Amino acid sequence: MSSLFDLTIQVKPEHIDVLGHVNNVVYVQWMQDVASAHIEKLGVGLAHYLEMKHAMVAVEHQVQYRKAAMLEDEIILRTWLYDINALYSFRQYAFFNAKDKSLLFTGNTKWACIEIATGRPKRMSPTFIQAYQPIATDVDPYDLSSIVSI
């Protein structure tokens, strides 16, 4: 079973758009960043993909912007796996302002397993299936009570 995974980042000038807040495409990049960090922690990161000759690739994103993040804000990027089958894993995201714990963004991604050499769909290996198990149903991924505000 996997767990919640948090990565804290600080909003930098290059994340800001002409409206003075984090640009929408930056959130999608953060989805990729926190997912990559999570799979590394699970022991099935990019180097493992190359060894196994198959990888997980994003095939669908859904995003919802709730509140703007501003320059120098500390952001908690949270992700977790919530479903899996032979070909796909499903990951959710919730990004929070670390100071006031307000929810800034939610999203989810459908990831497909592919053969690296051909780019064609492939059934997930037992290694992937074991690592990408969903979080327990009694875990509330939106509960930040264990995180100390800055």
Protein backbone atom coordinates (compact mmCIF):
# COMPACT_ATOMS: atom_id res chain seq x y z
CA MET A 1 0.00 0.00 0.00
CA SER A 2 1.34 3.45 -0.84
CA SER A 3 0.95 6.52 1.30
CA LEU A 4 0.38 10.22 1.05
CA PHE A 5 3.45 12.03 -0.24
CA ASP A 6 4.22 15.69 0.41
CA LEU A 7 6.77 17.94 -1.24
CA THR A 8 7.11 21.55 -0.10
CA ILE A 9 8.25 24.16 -2.60
CA GLN A 10 8.51 27.94 -2.69
CA VAL A 11 6.93 29.97 -5.48
CA LYS A 12 9.70 31.58 -7.57
CA PRO A 13 9.59 34.54 -9.99
CA GLU A 14 9.59 32.20 -13.01
CA HIS A 15 6.31 30.66 -11.78
CA ILE A 16 4.47 34.01 -11.90
CA ASP A 17 2.47 35.17 -14.92
CA VAL A 18 1.38 38.64 -16.07
CA LEU A 19 -1.53 38.58 -13.61
CA GLY A 20 0.88 38.34 -10.67
CA HIS A 21 0.09 34.79 -9.56
CA VAL A 22 1.32 31.29 -10.39
CA ASN A 23 0.60 30.45 -14.03
CA ASN A 24 -1.80 27.57 -14.63
CA VAL A 25 0.71 25.46 -16.56
CA VAL A 26 3.09 25.58 -13.58
CA TYR A 27 0.57 23.58 -11.55
CA VAL A 28 0.69 20.81 -14.17
CA GLN A 29 4.51 20.83 -13.97
CA TRP A 30 4.22 20.55 -10.18
CA MET A 31 1.93 17.54 -10.67
CA GLN A 32 4.72 15.88 -12.64
CA ASP A 33 7.38 16.93 -10.12
CA VAL A 34 5.56 15.58 -7.05
CA ALA A 35 4.54 12.36 -8.86
CA SER A 36 8.18 11.77 -9.88
CA ALA A 37 9.40 12.38 -6.33
CA HIS A 38 6.74 10.01 -5.01
CA ILE A 39 7.65 7.13 -7.34
CA GLU A 40 11.31 7.57 -6.40
CA LYS A 41 10.33 7.17 -2.74
CA LEU A 42 8.28 4.08 -3.65
CA GLY A 43 11.40 2.56 -5.24
CA VAL A 44 10.14 2.51 -8.82
CA GLY A 45 11.58 5.72 -10.20
CA LEU A 46 12.88 6.64 -13.62
CA ALA A 47 16.05 4.51 -13.38
CA HIS A 48 13.87 1.51 -12.51
CA TYR A 49 11.69 2.25 -15.55
CA LEU A 50 14.73 2.02 -17.82
CA GLU A 51 15.85 -1.24 -16.19
CA MET A 52 12.41 -2.80 -16.59
CA LYS A 53 12.00 -1.40 -20.12
CA HIS A 54 8.54 -0.06 -19.39
CA ALA A 55 7.24 3.15 -17.87
CA MET A 56 4.17 5.00 -16.74
CA VAL A 57 3.09 7.95 -18.91
CA ALA A 58 0.36 10.51 -18.33
CA VAL A 59 -2.59 10.03 -20.65
CA GLU A 60 -5.16 12.32 -19.01
CA HIS A 61 -5.10 15.20 -16.54
CA GLN A 62 -8.03 16.90 -14.82
CA VAL A 63 -7.33 20.06 -12.86
CA GLN A 64 -9.25 22.53 -10.73
CA TYR A 65 -7.79 25.86 -9.65
CA ARG A 66 -9.28 27.04 -6.36
CA LYS A 67 -7.13 29.89 -5.07
CA ALA A 68 -4.12 31.78 -6.43
CA ALA A 69 -0.59 31.13 -5.21
CA MET A 70 1.67 34.16 -5.07
CA LEU A 71 5.40 34.89 -5.23
CA GLU A 72 7.36 33.42 -2.30
CA ASP A 73 4.39 31.41 -0.97
CA GLU A 74 5.37 28.05 0.48
CA ILE A 75 3.25 25.36 -1.17
CA ILE A 76 2.65 21.81 0.02
CA LEU A 77 2.32 19.57 -3.04
CA ARG A 78 0.47 16.44 -1.91
CA THR A 79 -0.15 13.37 -4.04
CA TRP A 80 -1.47 9.85 -3.58
CA LEU A 81 -2.53 6.85 -5.62
CA TYR A 82 -6.22 6.03 -5.48
CA ASP A 83 -6.83 3.23 -7.99
CA ILE A 84 -5.00 0.72 -10.17
CA ASN A 85 -5.67 -1.95 -12.77
CA ALA A 86 -3.50 -3.99 -15.16
CA LEU A 87 -2.82 -1.07 -17.52
CA TYR A 88 -3.46 2.13 -15.56
CA SER A 89 -2.76 3.78 -12.26
CA PHE A 90 -4.71 6.77 -11.03
CA ARG A 91 -3.14 9.56 -8.98
CA GLN A 92 -4.67 12.54 -7.21
CA TYR A 93 -3.13 15.82 -6.13
CA ALA A 94 -3.98 18.55 -3.65
CA PHE A 95 -1.80 21.64 -3.29
CA PHE A 96 -2.04 23.76 -0.15
CA ASN A 97 -0.70 27.09 1.05
CA ALA A 98 1.65 26.01 3.86
CA LYS A 99 0.99 29.15 5.92
CA ASP A 100 -2.79 29.02 6.21
CA LYS A 101 -3.36 25.46 4.92
CA SER A 102 -5.85 26.71 2.32
CA LEU A 103 -6.52 24.43 -0.64
CA LEU A 104 -5.15 26.00 -3.83
CA PHE A 105 -5.50 23.27 -6.41
CA THR A 106 -6.78 19.75 -6.98
CA GLY A 107 -6.14 17.42 -9.86
CA ASN A 108 -5.85 13.85 -10.99
CA THR A 109 -3.92 11.96 -13.61
CA LYS A 110 -4.55 8.69 -15.39
CA TRP A 111 -1.18 7.00 -16.01
CA ALA A 112 -0.71 4.21 -18.58
CA CYS A 113 1.99 1.58 -18.60
CA ILE A 114 3.93 1.44 -21.88
CA GLU A 115 6.81 -0.51 -23.39
CA ILE A 116 9.59 2.08 -23.70
CA ALA A 117 11.00 0.73 -27.00
CA THR A 118 7.67 0.81 -28.84
CA GLY A 119 5.52 3.26 -26.89
CA ARG A 120 2.73 0.67 -26.92
CA PRO A 121 0.53 -0.17 -23.94
CA LYS A 122 1.81 -2.94 -21.69
CA ARG A 123 0.43 -4.68 -18.63
CA MET A 124 2.06 -3.46 -15.46
CA SER A 125 4.71 -5.67 -13.92
CA PRO A 126 4.09 -7.11 -10.45
CA THR A 127 6.73 -4.63 -9.20
CA PHE A 128 4.65 -1.69 -10.42
CA ILE A 129 1.38 -3.15 -9.18
CA GLN A 130 2.83 -3.71 -5.72
CA ALA A 131 4.35 -0.20 -5.52
CA TYR A 132 1.34 1.66 -6.91
CA GLN A 133 -1.30 0.36 -4.52
CA PRO A 134 -3.90 2.96 -3.49
CA ILE A 135 -3.86 4.59 -0.08
CA ALA A 136 -6.07 3.10 2.61
CA THR A 137 -9.71 4.14 2.38
CA ASP A 138 -9.67 5.53 5.92
CA VAL A 139 -6.93 8.08 5.08
CA ASP A 140 -8.17 11.64 4.50
CA PRO A 141 -5.73 13.22 2.04
CA TYR A 142 -7.15 16.69 2.74
CA ASP A 143 -6.39 16.50 6.47
CA LEU A 144 -3.35 18.65 7.20
CA SER A 145 -3.65 18.51 10.98
CA SER A 146 -0.27 16.80 11.33
CA ILE A 147 1.48 19.57 9.39
CA VAL A 148 2.70 22.56 11.36
CA SER A 149 1.90 25.92 9.73
CA ILE A 150 4.86 28.14 8.92
